[in-house]
Protein backbone atom coordinates (compact mmCIF):
# COMPACT_ATOMS: atom_id res chain seq x y z
CA MET A 1 -72.63 79.50 48.60
CA THR A 2 -71.21 83.03 49.00
CA LEU A 3 -74.25 84.64 47.37
CA SER A 4 -76.58 82.62 49.58
CA LEU A 5 -74.67 83.77 52.67
CA CYS A 6 -74.96 87.41 51.55
CA ARG A 7 -78.64 87.03 50.67
CA PHE A 8 -79.71 85.28 53.88
CA SER A 9 -77.59 87.55 56.10
CA LEU A 10 -78.98 90.72 54.52
CA ALA A 11 -82.53 89.40 54.58
CA PHE A 12 -82.18 88.54 58.27
CA ILE A 13 -80.76 91.98 59.12
CA TRP A 14 -83.47 93.90 57.23
CA ILE A 15 -86.33 91.74 58.57
CA TYR A 16 -85.01 91.81 62.13
CA GLN A 17 -84.48 95.59 62.03
CA GLY A 18 -87.97 96.02 60.61
CA VAL A 19 -89.70 93.83 63.19
CA VAL A 20 -87.86 94.10 66.50
CA PRO A 21 -86.97 97.78 67.02
CA LYS A 22 -89.76 99.16 64.85
CA TRP A 23 -92.85 96.96 65.07
CA LEU A 24 -92.39 95.46 68.52
CA GLY A 25 -91.86 98.82 70.15
CA PRO A 26 -91.02 100.95 68.56
CA HIS A 27 -87.78 101.27 70.46
CA GLU A 28 -87.15 104.67 72.03
CA ASP A 29 -84.05 105.16 69.85
CA GLU A 30 -86.12 104.68 66.68
CA VAL A 31 -88.62 107.26 67.88
CA ALA A 32 -85.84 109.66 68.91
CA MET A 33 -84.26 109.51 65.45
CA ASN A 34 -87.64 110.20 63.84
CA LEU A 35 -88.29 113.09 66.23
CA ALA A 36 -85.06 114.61 64.90
CA LEU A 37 -86.96 115.11 61.62
CA GLY A 38 -89.28 117.51 63.41
CA LEU A 39 -92.16 115.04 63.74
CA ASN A 40 -94.43 114.81 66.75
CA GLU A 41 -94.50 111.62 68.84
CA SER A 42 -97.42 110.04 66.98
CA GLN A 43 -95.89 110.76 63.59
CA ALA A 44 -92.51 109.41 64.75
CA VAL A 45 -94.12 106.13 65.85
CA THR A 46 -96.05 105.87 62.56
CA LEU A 47 -92.85 106.48 60.60
CA SER A 48 -91.15 103.72 62.60
CA HIS A 49 -93.93 101.30 61.68
CA VAL A 50 -93.86 102.29 58.00
CA GLY A 51 -90.06 102.07 57.93
CA GLY A 52 -90.27 98.64 59.55
CA LEU A 53 -92.70 97.48 56.88
CA LEU A 54 -90.38 98.68 54.12
CA GLU A 55 -87.41 96.95 55.76
CA VAL A 56 -89.32 93.67 56.05
CA LEU A 57 -90.38 93.94 52.40
CA LEU A 58 -86.77 94.52 51.35
CA GLY A 59 -85.68 91.50 53.39
CA LEU A 60 -88.34 89.36 51.71
CA MET A 61 -87.34 90.66 48.28
CA LEU A 62 -83.76 89.65 49.01
CA LEU A 63 -84.92 86.16 49.95
CA LEU A 64 -86.91 85.85 46.74
CA ALA A 65 -84.40 87.59 44.47
CA GLY A 66 -82.34 84.59 43.51
CA ARG A 67 -79.58 85.88 41.25
CA ARG A 68 -81.12 89.30 40.54
CA ALA A 69 -78.85 92.27 41.23
CA TRP A 70 -81.37 95.05 41.90
CA PRO A 71 -82.33 94.13 45.51
CA TYR A 72 -78.67 94.36 46.50
CA LEU A 73 -78.41 97.79 44.90
CA VAL A 74 -81.58 98.91 46.72
CA SER A 75 -80.11 97.60 49.98
CA ALA A 76 -76.82 99.44 49.39
CA GLY A 77 -78.56 102.67 48.43
CA LEU A 78 -80.97 102.55 51.33
CA ILE A 79 -78.26 101.90 53.91
CA VAL A 80 -76.25 104.85 52.57
CA VAL A 81 -79.31 107.12 52.83
CA LEU A 82 -80.08 105.91 56.35
CA THR A 83 -76.47 106.44 57.40
CA VAL A 84 -76.46 110.00 56.07
CA PHE A 85 -79.71 110.60 57.95
CA VAL A 86 -78.08 109.52 61.21
CA VAL A 87 -74.90 111.51 60.56
CA VAL A 88 -76.83 114.70 59.79
CA LEU A 89 -79.84 114.52 62.11
CA ALA A 90 -78.96 112.15 64.95
CA PRO A 91 -75.16 111.96 65.29
CA ALA A 92 -75.37 110.86 68.92
CA PHE A 93 -76.34 107.41 67.62
CA LEU A 94 -72.98 107.07 65.88
CA VAL A 95 -71.26 106.35 69.19
CA SER A 96 -73.90 104.28 70.99
CA ALA A 97 -73.58 100.54 71.55
CA PHE A 98 -74.32 98.55 68.38
CA ASN A 99 -74.32 101.85 66.55
CA ALA A 100 -75.29 102.78 63.02
CA VAL A 101 -71.70 102.80 61.80
CA THR A 102 -70.87 99.18 62.58
CA VAL A 103 -74.13 97.65 61.39
CA ASN A 104 -74.44 99.89 58.33
CA VAL A 105 -70.89 99.20 57.12
CA ALA A 106 -71.60 95.47 57.35
CA VAL A 107 -74.90 95.86 55.46
CA LEU A 108 -73.20 97.95 52.78
CA ALA A 109 -70.40 95.40 52.38
CA LEU A 110 -72.83 92.47 52.13
CA SER A 111 -75.00 94.42 49.68
CA LEU A 112 -72.05 95.24 47.43
CA MET A 113 -70.79 91.66 47.58
CA GLY A 114 -74.23 90.35 46.68
CA TRP A 115 -74.48 92.82 43.80
CA TRP A 116 -71.02 91.89 42.55
CA LEU A 117 -71.82 88.17 42.73
CA THR A 118 -74.97 88.65 40.68
CA ALA A 119 -73.42 90.89 38.01
């Protein structure tokens, strides 16, 4: 039951974050974070779409993973990398509503719990 809750919660978060702010927009905040990499507007939008695809794929992998540990480790690693990206290149997003800190800590905790439950 606990593993299923971790798996479905993480899958929902990754799929939602891949579809809603990245594919259905992309949202101006997504583009702004990508512009912080030094990309032009078109490249920033393309990166949002590619990132959204990767997030959806990770969410689907979590749904299909069953009791495999590796998708949880990928989720944990990716959320750490994304958090460092925000801290270094777009720190203004650390204090915005529904900011990277609150969501990313929850994703990291669920990822580590899922990994621990599959080990």
